[in-house]
């Protein structure tokens, strides 16, 4: 009998591919995409992304296609059940957070309220 591991946050192939390209551009294989939540933005909380070479013991990590998404436990509580995606279109390119916990989302999609 095989056991399927369920992650509290999904990391799409498109997002993983973009992170892989960013890491190659920076030439630092120790980098990971970190998402974290801060107070601010027009809706109360704001999503932030950085490439980080530090992983704390309490961080949650998802690996896909040889790259990792990391989240601290406080930010993770706001993102459970969500997904991190990446989009490129005429408006530009960006990582997108699909957050089922958000009650309201600002028009740009970078801030939310619970």
PDB file of N, CA and C in Angstrom:
ATOM      1  N   UNK A   1       0.835  -1.159   0.000  1.00  0.00           N
ATOM      2  CA  UNK A   1       0.000   0.000   0.000  1.00  0.00           C
ATOM      3  C   UNK A   1       0.898   1.246   0.000  1.00  0.00           C
ATOM      4  N   UNK A   2       0.658   2.176  -0.936  1.00  0.00           N
ATOM      5  CA  UNK A   2       1.459   3.406  -0.983  1.00  0.00           C
ATOM      6  C   UNK A   2       0.706   4.533  -0.282  1.00  0.00           C
ATOM      7  N   UNK A   3       1.453   5.407   0.327  1.00  0.00           N
ATOM      8  CA  UNK A   3       0.868   6.535   1.043  1.00  0.00           C
ATOM      9  C   UNK A   3       1.165   7.800   0.239  1.00  0.00           C
ATOM     10  N   UNK A   4       0.107   8.562  -0.052  1.00  0.00           N
ATOM     11  CA  UNK A   4       0.285   9.806  -0.776  1.00  0.00           C
ATOM     12  C   UNK A   4       0.526  10.927   0.232  1.00  0.00           C
ATOM     13  N   UNK A   5       1.601  11.677   0.023  1.00  0.00           N
ATOM     14  CA  UNK A   5       1.918  12.779   0.917  1.00  0.00           C
ATOM     15  C   UNK A   5       1.156  14.020   0.456  1.00  0.00           C
ATOM     16  N   UNK A   6       0.408  14.625   1.354  1.00  0.00           N
ATOM     17  CA  UNK A   6      -0.379  15.809   1.031  1.00  0.00           C
ATOM     18  C   UNK A   6       0.314  17.020   1.630  1.00  0.00           C
ATOM     19  N   UNK A   7       0.564  17.999   0.787  1.00  0.00           N
ATOM     20  CA  UNK A   7       1.208  19.225   1.227  1.00  0.00           C
ATOM     21  C   UNK A   7       0.156  20.293   1.487  1.00  0.00           C
ATOM     22  N   UNK A   8       0.352  21.127   2.503  1.00  0.00           N
ATOM     23  CA  UNK A   8      -0.623  22.172   2.804  1.00  0.00           C
ATOM     24  C   UNK A   8      -0.593  23.330   1.808  1.00  0.00           C
ATOM     25  N   UNK A   9       0.375  23.321   0.890  1.00  0.00           N
ATOM     26  CA  UNK A   9       0.524  24.387  -0.091  1.00  0.00           C
ATOM     27  C   UNK A   9       1.051  23.762  -1.374  1.00  0.00           C
ATOM     28  N   UNK A  10       0.474  24.123  -2.507  1.00  0.00           N
ATOM     29  CA  UNK A  10       0.913  23.575  -3.789  1.00  0.00           C
ATOM     30  C   UNK A  10       1.867  24.540  -4.482  1.00  0.00           C
ATOM     31  N   UNK A  11       2.748  23.996  -5.299  1.00  0.00           N
ATOM     32  CA  UNK A  11       3.761  24.732  -6.043  1.00  0.00           C
ATOM     33  C   UNK A  11       3.654  24.230  -7.475  1.00  0.00           C
ATOM     34  N   UNK A  12       3.145  25.060  -8.401  1.00  0.00           N
ATOM     35  CA  UNK A  12       2.857  24.593  -9.752  1.00  0.00           C
ATOM     36  C   UNK A  12       4.124  24.387 -10.573  1.00  0.00           C
ATOM     37  N   UNK A  13       3.979  23.647 -11.663  1.00  0.00           N
ATOM     38  CA  UNK A  13       5.094  23.430 -12.580  1.00  0.00           C
ATOM     39  C   UNK A  13       5.588  24.751 -13.156  1.00  0.00           C
ATOM     40  N   UNK A  14       4.664  25.653 -13.498  1.00  0.00           N
ATOM     41  CA  UNK A  14       5.052  26.954 -14.066  1.00  0.00           C
ATOM     42  C   UNK A  14       5.900  27.741 -13.071  1.00  0.00           C
ATOM     43  N   UNK A  15       5.520  27.732 -11.803  1.00  0.00           N
ATOM     44  CA  UNK A  15       6.285  28.443 -10.774  1.00  0.00           C
ATOM     45  C   UNK A  15       7.652  27.789 -10.585  1.00  0.00           C
ATOM     46  N   UNK A  16       7.690  26.475 -10.543  1.00  0.00           N
ATOM     47  CA  UNK A  16       8.961  25.762 -10.378  1.00  0.00           C
ATOM     48  C   UNK A  16       9.895  26.046 -11.548  1.00  0.00           C
ATOM     49  N   UNK A  17       9.362  26.054 -12.769  1.00  0.00           N
ATOM     50  CA  UNK A  17      10.189  26.347 -13.941  1.00  0.00           C
ATOM     51  C   UNK A  17      10.774  27.757 -13.877  1.00  0.00           C
ATOM     52  N   UNK A  18       9.967  28.721 -13.438  1.00  0.00           N
ATOM     53  CA  UNK A  18      10.461  30.099 -13.338  1.00  0.00           C
ATOM     54  C   UNK A  18      11.557  30.204 -12.276  1.00  0.00           C
ATOM     55  N   UNK A  19      11.370  29.546 -11.146  1.00  0.00           N
ATOM     56  CA  UNK A  19      12.390  29.558 -10.097  1.00  0.00           C
ATOM     57  C   UNK A  19      13.678  28.921 -10.624  1.00  0.00           C
ATOM     58  N   UNK A  20      13.546  27.831 -11.346  1.00  0.00           N
ATOM     59  CA  UNK A  20      14.719  27.164 -11.917  1.00  0.00           C
ATOM     60  C   UNK A  20      15.491  28.130 -12.820  1.00  0.00           C
ATOM     61  N   UNK A  21      14.787  28.900 -13.644  1.00  0.00           N
ATOM     62  CA  UNK A  21      15.437  29.872 -14.526  1.00  0.00           C
ATOM     63  C   UNK A  21      16.084  31.009 -13.741  1.00  0.00           C
ATOM     64  N   UNK A  22      15.418  31.492 -12.698  1.00  0.00           N
ATOM     65  CA  UNK A  22      15.987  32.563 -11.871  1.00  0.00           C
ATOM     66  C   UNK A  22      17.262  32.106 -11.174  1.00  0.00           C
ATOM     67  N   UNK A  23      17.244  30.881 -10.672  1.00  0.00           N
ATOM     68  CA  UNK A  23      18.428  30.334 -10.001  1.00  0.00           C
ATOM     69  C   UNK A  23      19.580  30.200 -10.994  1.00  0.00           C
ATOM     70  N   UNK A  24      19.281  29.746 -12.196  1.00  0.00           N
ATOM     71  CA  UNK A  24      20.325  29.624 -13.226  1.00  0.00           C
ATOM     72  C   UNK A  24      20.902  31.001 -13.562  1.00  0.00           C
ATOM     73  N   UNK A  25      20.054  32.012 -13.659  1.00  0.00           N
ATOM     74  CA  UNK A  25      20.526  33.376 -13.940  1.00  0.00           C
ATOM     75  C   UNK A  25      21.439  33.894 -12.837  1.00  0.00           C
ATOM     76  N   UNK A  26      21.109  33.575 -11.581  1.00  0.00           N
ATOM     77  CA  UNK A  26      21.902  34.038 -10.435  1.00  0.00           C
ATOM     78  C   UNK A  26      23.149  33.196 -10.209  1.00  0.00           C
ATOM     79  N   UNK A  27      23.176  32.002 -10.818  1.00  0.00           N
ATOM     80  CA  UNK A  27      24.304  31.068 -10.686  1.00  0.00           C
ATOM     81  C   UNK A  27      24.585  30.701  -9.233  1.00  0.00           C
ATOM     82  N   UNK A  28      23.498  30.467  -8.504  1.00  0.00           N
ATOM     83  CA  UNK A  28      23.621  30.080  -7.095  1.00  0.00           C
ATOM     84  C   UNK A  28      22.625  28.952  -6.828  1.00  0.00           C
ATOM     85  N   UNK A  29      23.100  27.728  -6.822  1.00  0.00           N
ATOM     86  CA  UNK A  29      22.223  26.570  -6.654  1.00  0.00           C
ATOM     87  C   UNK A  29      21.651  26.437  -5.251  1.00  0.00           C
ATOM     88  N   UNK A  30      22.105  27.261  -4.304  1.00  0.00           N
ATOM     89  CA  UNK A  30      21.577  27.222  -2.945  1.00  0.00           C
ATOM     90  C   UNK A  30      20.302  28.057  -2.784  1.00  0.00           C
ATOM     91  N   UNK A  31      19.897  28.770  -3.821  1.00  0.00           N
ATOM     92  CA  UNK A  31      18.718  29.638  -3.714  1.00  0.00           C
ATOM     93  C   UNK A  31      17.421  28.844  -3.778  1.00  0.00           C
ATOM     94  N   UNK A  32      16.435  29.348  -3.040  1.00  0.00           N
ATOM     95  CA  UNK A  32      15.073  28.802  -3.030  1.00  0.00           C
ATOM     96  C   UNK A  32      14.118  29.975  -3.076  1.00  0.00           C
ATOM     97  N   UNK A  33      12.915  29.734  -3.562  1.00  0.00           N
ATOM     98  CA  UNK A  33      11.901  30.784  -3.541  1.00  0.00           C
ATOM     99  C   UNK A  33      11.238  30.776  -2.177  1.00  0.00           C
ATOM    100  N   UNK A  34      11.273  31.902  -1.500  1.00  0.00           N
ATOM    101  CA  UNK A  34      10.605  32.042  -0.199  1.00  0.00           C
ATOM    102  C   UNK A  34       9.391  32.943  -0.394  1.00  0.00           C
ATOM    103  N   UNK A  35       8.246  32.485   0.107  1.00  0.00           N
ATOM    104  CA  UNK A  35       7.073  33.342   0.196  1.00  0.00           C
ATOM    105  C   UNK A  35       6.854  33.640   1.676  1.00  0.00           C
ATOM    106  N   UNK A  36       6.550  34.900   1.965  1.00  0.00           N
ATOM    107  CA  UNK A  36       6.251  35.268   3.343  1.00  0.00           C
ATOM    108  C   UNK A  36       5.185  36.363   3.350  1.00  0.00           C
ATOM    109  N   UNK A  37       4.464  36.430   4.446  1.00  0.00           N
ATOM    110  CA  UNK A  37       3.354  37.367   4.606  1.00  0.00           C
ATOM    111  C   UNK A  37       3.791  38.484   5.555  1.00  0.00           C
ATOM    112  N   UNK A  38       3.473  39.711   5.174  1.00  0.00           N
ATOM    113  CA  UNK A  38       3.708  40.854   6.057  1.00  0.00           C
ATOM    114  C   UNK A  38       2.422  41.662   6.158  1.00  0.00           C
ATOM    115  N   UNK A  39       2.323  42.462   7.195  1.00  0.00           N
ATOM    116  CA  UNK A  39       1.211  43.390   7.301  1.00  0.00           C
ATOM    117  C   UNK A  39       1.418  44.503   6.298  1.00  0.00           C
ATOM    118  N   UNK A  40       0.323  44.969   5.687  1.00  0.00           N
ATOM    119  CA  UNK A  40       0.441  46.065   4.725  1.00  0.00           C
ATOM    120  C   UNK A  40      -0.377  45.808   3.489  1.00  0.00           C
ATOM    121  N   UNK A  41      -0.114  46.595   2.476  1.00  0.00           N
ATOM    122  CA  UNK A  41      -0.904  46.500   1.260  1.00  0.00           C
ATOM    123  C   UNK A  41      -2.262  47.131   1.476  1.00  0.00           C
ATOM    124  N   UNK A  42      -3.056  47.188   0.456  1.00  0.00           N
ATOM    125  CA  UNK A  42      -4.352  47.856   0.571  1.00  0.00           C
ATOM    126  C   UNK A  42      -5.418  46.980   1.232  1.00  0.00           C
ATOM    127  N   UNK A  43      -5.125  45.688   1.448  1.00  0.00           N
ATOM    128  CA  UNK A  43      -6.123  44.808   2.052  1.00  0.00           C
ATOM    129  C   UNK A  43      -5.746  44.277   3.428  1.00  0.00           C
ATOM    130  N   UNK A  44      -4.592  44.640   3.959  1.00  0.00           N
ATOM    131  CA  UNK A  44      -4.229  44.226   5.317  1.00  0.00           C
ATOM    132  C   UNK A  44      -2.992  43.365   5.411  1.00  0.00           C
ATOM    133  N   UNK A  45      -2.865  42.353   4.558  1.00  0.00           N
ATOM    134  CA  UNK A  45      -1.690  41.487   4.512  1.00  0.00           C
ATOM    135  C   UNK A  45      -1.131  41.524   3.099  1.00  0.00           C
ATOM    136  N   UNK A  46       0.168  41.311   2.988  1.00  0.00           N
ATOM    137  CA  UNK A  46       0.799  41.374   1.678  1.00  0.00           C
ATOM    138  C   UNK A  46       1.671  40.152   1.440  1.00  0.00           C
ATOM    139  N   UNK A  47       1.609  39.602   0.213  1.00  0.00           N
ATOM    140  CA  UNK A  47       2.479  38.504  -0.190  1.00  0.00           C
ATOM    141  C   UNK A  47       3.823  39.071  -0.619  1.00  0.00           C
ATOM    142  N   UNK A  48       4.902  38.417  -0.210  1.00  0.00           N
ATOM    143  CA  UNK A  48       6.252  38.818  -0.601  1.00  0.00           C
ATOM    144  C   UNK A  48       7.021  37.586  -1.058  1.00  0.00           C
ATOM    145  N   UNK A  49       7.849  37.763  -2.071  1.00  0.00           N
ATOM    146  CA  UNK A  49       8.682  36.686  -2.590  1.00  0.00           C
ATOM    147  C   UNK A  49      10.128  37.154  -2.638  1.00  0.00           C
ATOM    148  N   UNK A  50      11.045  36.287  -2.234  1.00  0.00           N
ATOM    149  CA  UNK A  50      12.479  36.544  -2.407  1.00  0.00           C
ATOM    150  C   UNK A  50      13.170  35.228  -2.746  1.00  0.00           C
ATOM    151  N   UNK A  51      14.315  35.332  -3.376  1.00  0.00           N
ATOM    152  CA  UNK A  51      15.182  34.175  -3.531  1.00  0.00           C
ATOM    153  C   UNK A  51      16.082  34.168  -2.306  1.00  0.00           C
ATOM    154  N   UNK A  52      16.071  33.074  -1.578  1.00  0.00           N
ATOM    155  CA  UNK A  52      16.752  33.003  -0.289  1.00  0.00           C
ATOM    156  C   UNK A  52      17.681  31.795  -0.260  1.00  0.00           C
ATOM    157  N   UNK A  53      18.880  31.990   0.279  1.00  0.00           N
ATOM    158  CA  UNK A  53      19.797  30.857   0.413  1.00  0.00           C
ATOM    159  C   UNK A  53      19.817  30.302   1.830  1.00  0.00           C
ATOM    160  N   UNK A  54      18.961  30.839   2.689  1.00  0.00           N
ATOM    161  CA  UNK A  54      18.885  30.359   4.073  1.00  0.00           C
ATOM    162  C   UNK A  54      17.553  29.639   4.296  1.00  0.00           C
ATOM    163  N   UNK A  55      17.631  28.504   4.951  1.00  0.00           N
ATOM    164  CA  UNK A  55      16.441  27.753   5.334  1.00  0.00           C
ATOM    165  C   UNK A  55      16.521  27.537   6.833  1.00  0.00           C
ATOM    166  N   UNK A  56      15.483  27.957   7.531  1.00  0.00           N
ATOM    167  CA  UNK A  56      15.424  27.773   8.980  1.00  0.00           C
ATOM    168  C   UNK A  56      14.847  26.398   9.296  1.00  0.00           C
ATOM    169  N   UNK A  57      15.182  25.864  10.462  1.00  0.00           N
ATOM    170  CA  UNK A  57      14.719  24.519  10.832  1.00  0.00           C
ATOM    171  C   UNK A  57      13.203  24.399  10.814  1.00  0.00           C
ATOM    172  N   UNK A  58      12.495  25.466  11.181  1.00  0.00           N
ATOM    173  CA  UNK A  58      11.038  25.390  11.257  1.00  0.00           C
ATOM    174  C   UNK A  58      10.348  25.680   9.920  1.00  0.00           C
ATOM    175  N   UNK A  59      11.101  26.049   8.881  1.00  0.00           N
ATOM    176  CA  UNK A  59      10.508  26.342   7.574  1.00  0.00           C
ATOM    177  C   UNK A  59       9.884  25.096   6.956  1.00  0.00           C
ATOM    178  N   UNK A  60       8.806  25.297   6.250  1.00  0.00           N
ATOM    179  CA  UNK A  60       8.161  24.260   5.458  1.00  0.00           C
ATOM    180  C   UNK A  60       8.755  24.354   4.055  1.00  0.00           C
ATOM    181  N   UNK A  61       9.076  23.230   3.446  1.00  0.00           N
ATOM    182  CA  UNK A  61       9.697  23.233   2.123  1.00  0.00           C
ATOM    183  C   UNK A  61       8.984  22.266   1.188  1.00  0.00           C
ATOM    184  N   UNK A  62       8.755  22.726  -0.046  1.00  0.00           N
ATOM    185  CA  UNK A  62       8.193  21.879  -1.096  1.00  0.00           C
ATOM    186  C   UNK A  62       9.218  21.853  -2.221  1.00  0.00           C
ATOM    187  N   UNK A  63       9.601  20.658  -2.646  1.00  0.00           N
ATOM    188  CA  UNK A  63      10.534  20.548  -3.762  1.00  0.00           C
ATOM    189  C   UNK A  63       9.807  20.045  -4.988  1.00  0.00           C
ATOM    190  N   UNK A  64      10.140  20.670  -6.120  1.00  0.00           N
ATOM    191  CA  UNK A  64       9.547  20.277  -7.390  1.00  0.00           C
ATOM    192  C   UNK A  64      10.553  20.604  -8.482  1.00  0.00           C
ATOM    193  N   UNK A  65      10.795  19.670  -9.357  1.00  0.00           N
ATOM    194  CA  UNK A  65      11.693  19.853 -10.500  1.00  0.00           C
ATOM    195  C   UNK A  65      13.079  20.333 -10.079  1.00  0.00           C
ATOM    196  N   UNK A  66      13.533  19.906  -8.915  1.00  0.00           N
ATOM    197  CA  UNK A  66      14.871  20.249  -8.461  1.00  0.00           C
ATOM    198  C   UNK A  66      15.007  21.612  -7.805  1.00  0.00           C
ATOM    199  N   UNK A  67      13.895  22.304  -7.576  1.00  0.00           N
ATOM    200  CA  UNK A  67      13.926  23.598  -6.881  1.00  0.00           C
ATOM    201  C   UNK A  67      12.953  23.537  -5.706  1.00  0.00           C
ATOM    202  N   UNK A  68      13.095  24.504  -4.789  1.00  0.00           N
ATOM    203  CA  UNK A  68      12.267  24.457  -3.583  1.00  0.00           C
ATOM    204  C   UNK A  68      11.552  25.774  -3.338  1.00  0.00           C
ATOM    205  N   UNK A  69      10.361  25.651  -2.786  1.00  0.00           N
ATOM    206  CA  UNK A  69       9.582  26.767  -2.254  1.00  0.00           C
ATOM    207  C   UNK A  69       9.627  26.609  -0.745  1.00  0.00           C
ATOM    208  N   UNK A  70       9.976  27.681  -0.029  1.00  0.00           N
ATOM    209  CA  UNK A  70      10.026  27.613   1.428  1.00  0.00           C
ATOM    210  C   UNK A  70       9.099  28.666   2.031  1.00  0.00           C
ATOM    211  N   UNK A  71       8.521  28.298   3.181  1.00  0.00           N
ATOM    212  CA  UNK A  71       7.571  29.169   3.877  1.00  0.00           C
ATOM    213  C   UNK A  71       7.800  29.028   5.366  1.00  0.00           C
ATOM    214  N   UNK A  72       7.821  30.155   6.070  1.00  0.00           N
ATOM    215  CA  UNK A  72       7.928  30.100   7.531  1.00  0.00           C
ATOM    216  C   UNK A  72       6.573  29.676   8.105  1.00  0.00           C
ATOM    217  N   UNK A  73       6.538  29.118   9.315  1.00  0.00           N
ATOM    218  CA  UNK A  73       5.283  28.592   9.873  1.00  0.00           C
ATOM    219  C   UNK A  73       4.202  29.654  10.096  1.00  0.00           C
ATOM    220  N   UNK A  74       4.578  30.877  10.403  1.00  0.00           N
ATOM    221  CA  UNK A  74       3.562  31.922  10.615  1.00  0.00           C
ATOM    222  C   UNK A  74       2.888  32.268   9.292  1.00  0.00           C
ATOM    223  N   UNK A  75       3.675  32.406   8.228  1.00  0.00           N
ATOM    224  CA  UNK A  75       3.089  32.701   6.914  1.00  0.00           C
ATOM    225  C   UNK A  75       2.274  31.523   6.400  1.00  0.00           C
ATOM    226  N   UNK A  76       2.739  30.308   6.660  1.00  0.00           N
ATOM    227  CA  UNK A  76       2.048  29.118   6.173  1.00  0.00           C
ATOM    228  C   UNK A  76       0.613  29.042   6.685  1.00  0.00           C
ATOM    229  N   UNK A  77       0.380  29.470   7.919  1.00  0.00           N
ATOM    230  CA  UNK A  77      -0.979  29.391   8.471  1.00  0.00           C
ATOM    231  C   UNK A  77      -1.976  30.194   7.641  1.00  0.00           C
ATOM    232  N   UNK A  78      -1.525  31.233   6.938  1.00  0.00           N
ATOM    233  CA  UNK A  78      -2.405  32.034   6.087  1.00  0.00           C
ATOM    234  C   UNK A  78      -2.549  31.465   4.677  1.00  0.00           C
ATOM    235  N   UNK A  79      -1.712  30.489   4.346  1.00  0.00           N
ATOM    236  CA  UNK A  79      -1.655  29.968   2.978  1.00  0.00           C
ATOM    237  C   UNK A  79      -2.140  28.531   2.834  1.00  0.00           C
ATOM    238  N   UNK A  80      -2.514  27.886   3.924  1.00  0.00           N
ATOM    239  CA  UNK A  80      -2.892  26.470   3.877  1.00  0.00           C
ATOM    240  C   UNK A  80      -4.016  26.251   2.862  1.00  0.00           C
ATOM    241  N   UNK A  81      -3.797  25.249   2.012  1.00  0.00           N
ATOM    242  CA  UNK A  81      -4.770  24.910   0.978  1.00  0.00           C
ATOM    243  C   UNK A  81      -4.586  25.714  -0.294  1.00  0.00           C
ATOM    244  N   UNK A  82      -3.610  26.620  -0.317  1.00  0.00           N
ATOM    245  CA  UNK A  82      -3.396  27.492  -1.466  1.00  0.00           C
ATOM    246  C   UNK A  82      -2.393  26.938  -2.452  1.00  0.00           C
ATOM    247  N   UNK A  83      -2.077  27.770  -3.428  1.00  0.00           N
ATOM    248  CA  UNK A  83      -1.173  27.376  -4.488  1.00  0.00           C
ATOM    249  C   UNK A  83      -0.340  28.577  -4.933  1.00  0.00           C
ATOM    250  N   UNK A  84       0.915  28.313  -5.265  1.00  0.00           N
ATOM    251  CA  UNK A  84       1.800  29.327  -5.818  1.00  0.00           C
ATOM    252  C   UNK A  84       1.993  28.995  -7.290  1.00  0.00           C
ATOM    253  N   UNK A  85       1.643  29.949  -8.153  1.00  0.00           N
ATOM    254  CA  UNK A  85       1.723  29.763  -9.596  1.00  0.00           C
ATOM    255  C   UNK A  85       2.562  30.891 -10.188  1.00  0.00           C
ATOM    256  N   UNK A  86       2.814  30.814 -11.479  1.00  0.00           N
ATOM    257  CA  UNK A  86       3.551  31.859 -12.179  1.00  0.00           C
ATOM    258  C   UNK A  86       2.843  32.134 -13.486  1.00  0.00           C
ATOM    259  N   UNK A  87       2.758  33.415 -13.844  1.00  0.00           N
ATOM    260  CA  UNK A  87       2.055  33.801 -15.068  1.00  0.00           C
ATOM    261  C   UNK A  87       2.856  34.837 -15.842  1.00  0.00           C
ATOM    262  N   UNK A  88       2.860  34.684 -17.155  1.00  0.00           N
ATOM    263  CA  UNK A  88       3.422  35.682 -18.068  1.00  0.00           C
ATOM    264  C   UNK A  88       2.345  36.028 -19.072  1.00  0.00           C
ATOM    265  N   UNK A  89       2.058  37.328 -19.208  1.00  0.00           N
ATOM    266  CA  UNK A  89       1.088  37.773 -20.204  1.00  0.00           C
ATOM    267  C   UNK A  89       1.415  39.208 -20.607  1.00  0.00           C
ATOM    268  N   UNK A  90       0.536  39.855 -21.335  1.00  0.00           N
ATOM    269  CA  UNK A  90       0.791  41.214 -21.807  1.00  0.00           C
ATOM    270  C   UNK A  90       0.947  42.222 -20.672  1.00  0.00           C
ATOM    271  N   UNK A  91       0.352  41.927 -19.522  1.00  0.00           N
ATOM    272  CA  UNK A  91       0.463  42.824 -18.363  1.00  0.00           C
ATOM    273  C   UNK A  91       1.808  42.690 -17.652  1.00  0.00           C
ATOM    274  N   UNK A  92       2.528  41.615 -17.920  1.00  0.00           N
ATOM    275  CA  UNK A  92       3.811  41.379 -17.266  1.00  0.00           C
ATOM    276  C   UNK A  92       3.916  39.950 -16.773  1.00  0.00           C
ATOM    277  N   UNK A  93       4.894  39.727 -15.914  1.00  0.00           N
ATOM    278  CA  UNK A  93       5.099  38.389 -15.355  1.00  0.00           C
ATOM    279  C   UNK A  93       5.175  38.509 -13.841  1.00  0.00           C
ATOM    280  N   UNK A  94       4.648  37.474 -13.165  1.00  0.00           N
ATOM    281  CA  UNK A  94       4.662  37.502 -11.706  1.00  0.00           C
ATOM    282  C   UNK A  94       4.262  36.152 -11.140  1.00  0.00           C
ATOM    283  N   UNK A  95       4.674  35.950  -9.876  1.00  0.00           N
ATOM    284  CA  UNK A  95       4.183  34.802  -9.132  1.00  0.00           C
ATOM    285  C   UNK A  95       2.792  35.161  -8.628  1.00  0.00           C
ATOM    286  N   UNK A  96       1.903  34.189  -8.648  1.00  0.00           N
ATOM    287  CA  UNK A  96       0.515  34.403  -8.254  1.00  0.00           C
ATOM    288  C   UNK A  96       0.192  33.483  -7.082  1.00  0.00           C
ATOM    289  N   UNK A  97      -0.476  34.033  -6.079  1.00  0.00           N
ATOM    290  CA  UNK A  97      -0.916  33.249  -4.937  1.00  0.00           C
ATOM    291  C   UNK A  97      -2.414  33.017  -5.082  1.00  0.00           C
ATOM    292  N   UNK A  98      -2.799  31.763  -5.092  1.00  0.00           N
ATOM    293  CA  UNK A  98      -4.213  31.387  -5.085  1.00  0.00           C
ATOM    294  C   UNK A  98      -4.492  30.947  -3.653  1.00  0.00           C
ATOM    295  N   UNK A  99      -5.209  31.793  -2.924  1.00  0.00           N
ATOM    296  CA  UNK A  99      -5.367  31.594  -1.486  1.00  0.00           C
ATOM    297  C   UNK A  99      -6.841  31.437  -1.127  1.00  0.00           C
ATOM    298  N   UNK A 100      -7.277  30.209  -0.810  1.00  0.00           N
ATOM    299  CA  UNK A 100      -8.680  29.994  -0.460  1.00  0.00           C
ATOM    300  C   UNK A 100      -9.069  30.606   0.883  1.00  0.00           C
ATOM    301  N   UNK A 101      -8.087  31.022   1.673  1.00  0.00           N
ATOM    302  CA  UNK A 101      -8.359  31.625   2.988  1.00  0.00           C
ATOM    303  C   UNK A 101      -8.643  33.115   2.910  1.00  0.00           C
ATOM    304  N   UNK A 102      -8.308  33.744   1.793  1.00  0.00           N
ATOM    305  CA  UNK A 102      -8.476  35.190   1.653  1.00  0.00           C
ATOM    306  C   UNK A 102      -9.959  35.532   1.479  1.00  0.00           C
ATOM    307  N   UNK A 103     -10.441  36.439   2.309  1.00  0.00           N
ATOM    308  CA  UNK A 103     -11.831  36.905   2.199  1.00  0.00           C
ATOM    309  C   UNK A 103     -11.938  37.979   1.114  1.00  0.00           C
ATOM    310  N   UNK A 104     -10.953  38.886   1.079  1.00  0.00           N
ATOM    311  CA  UNK A 104     -10.895  39.906   0.036  1.00  0.00           C
ATOM    312  C   UNK A 104      -9.466  39.969  -0.500  1.00  0.00           C
ATOM    313  N   UNK A 105      -9.359  40.321  -1.774  1.00  0.00           N
ATOM    314  CA  UNK A 105      -8.070  40.429  -2.449  1.00  0.00           C
ATOM    315  C   UNK A 105      -8.057  41.767  -3.173  1.00  0.00           C
ATOM    316  N   UNK A 106      -6.936  42.472  -3.113  1.00  0.00           N
ATOM    317  CA  UNK A 106      -6.858  43.750  -3.831  1.00  0.00           C
ATOM    318  C   UNK A 106      -6.812  43.480  -5.337  1.00  0.00           C
ATOM    319  N   UNK A 107      -7.031  44.495  -6.114  1.00  0.00           N
ATOM    320  CA  UNK A 107      -7.107  44.324  -7.570  1.00  0.00           C
ATOM    321  C   UNK A 107      -5.799  43.858  -8.177  1.00  0.00           C
ATOM    322  N   UNK A 108      -4.662  44.193  -7.580  1.00  0.00           N
ATOM    323  CA  UNK A 108      -3.382  43.740  -8.130  1.00  0.00           C
ATOM    324  C   UNK A 108      -3.052  42.309  -7.711  1.00  0.00           C
ATOM    325  N   UNK A 109      -3.731  41.785  -6.693  1.00  0.00           N
ATOM    326  CA  UNK A 109      -3.509  40.417  -6.242  1.00  0.00           C
ATOM    327  C   UNK A 109      -2.362  40.236  -5.268  1.00  0.00           C
ATOM    328  N   UNK A 110      -1.706  41.330  -4.865  1.00  0.00           N
ATOM    329  CA  UNK A 110      -0.557  41.172  -3.971  1.00  0.00           C
ATOM    330  C   UNK A 110      -0.905  41.348  -2.506  1.00  0.00           C
ATOM    331  N   UNK A 111      -2.130  41.774  -2.193  1.00  0.00           N
ATOM    332  CA  UNK A 111      -2.513  41.869  -0.796  1.00  0.00           C
ATOM    333  C   UNK A 111      -3.903  41.261  -0.592  1.00  0.00           C
ATOM    334  N   UNK A 112      -4.177  40.887   0.655  1.00  0.00           N
ATOM    335  CA  UNK A 112      -5.421  40.177   0.965  1.00  0.00           C
ATOM    336  C   UNK A 112      -5.830  40.446   2.403  1.00  0.00           C
ATOM    337  N   UNK A 113      -7.028  40.007   2.724  1.00  0.00           N
ATOM    338  CA  UNK A 113      -7.550  40.113   4.076  1.00  0.00           C
ATOM    339  C   UNK A 113      -8.177  38.773   4.446  1.00  0.00           C
ATOM    340  N   UNK A 114      -8.067  38.392   5.703  1.00  0.00           N
ATOM    341  CA  UNK A 114      -8.624  37.122   6.195  1.00  0.00           C
ATOM    342  C   UNK A 114      -9.869  37.415   7.001  1.00  0.00           C
TER     343      UNK A 114
END
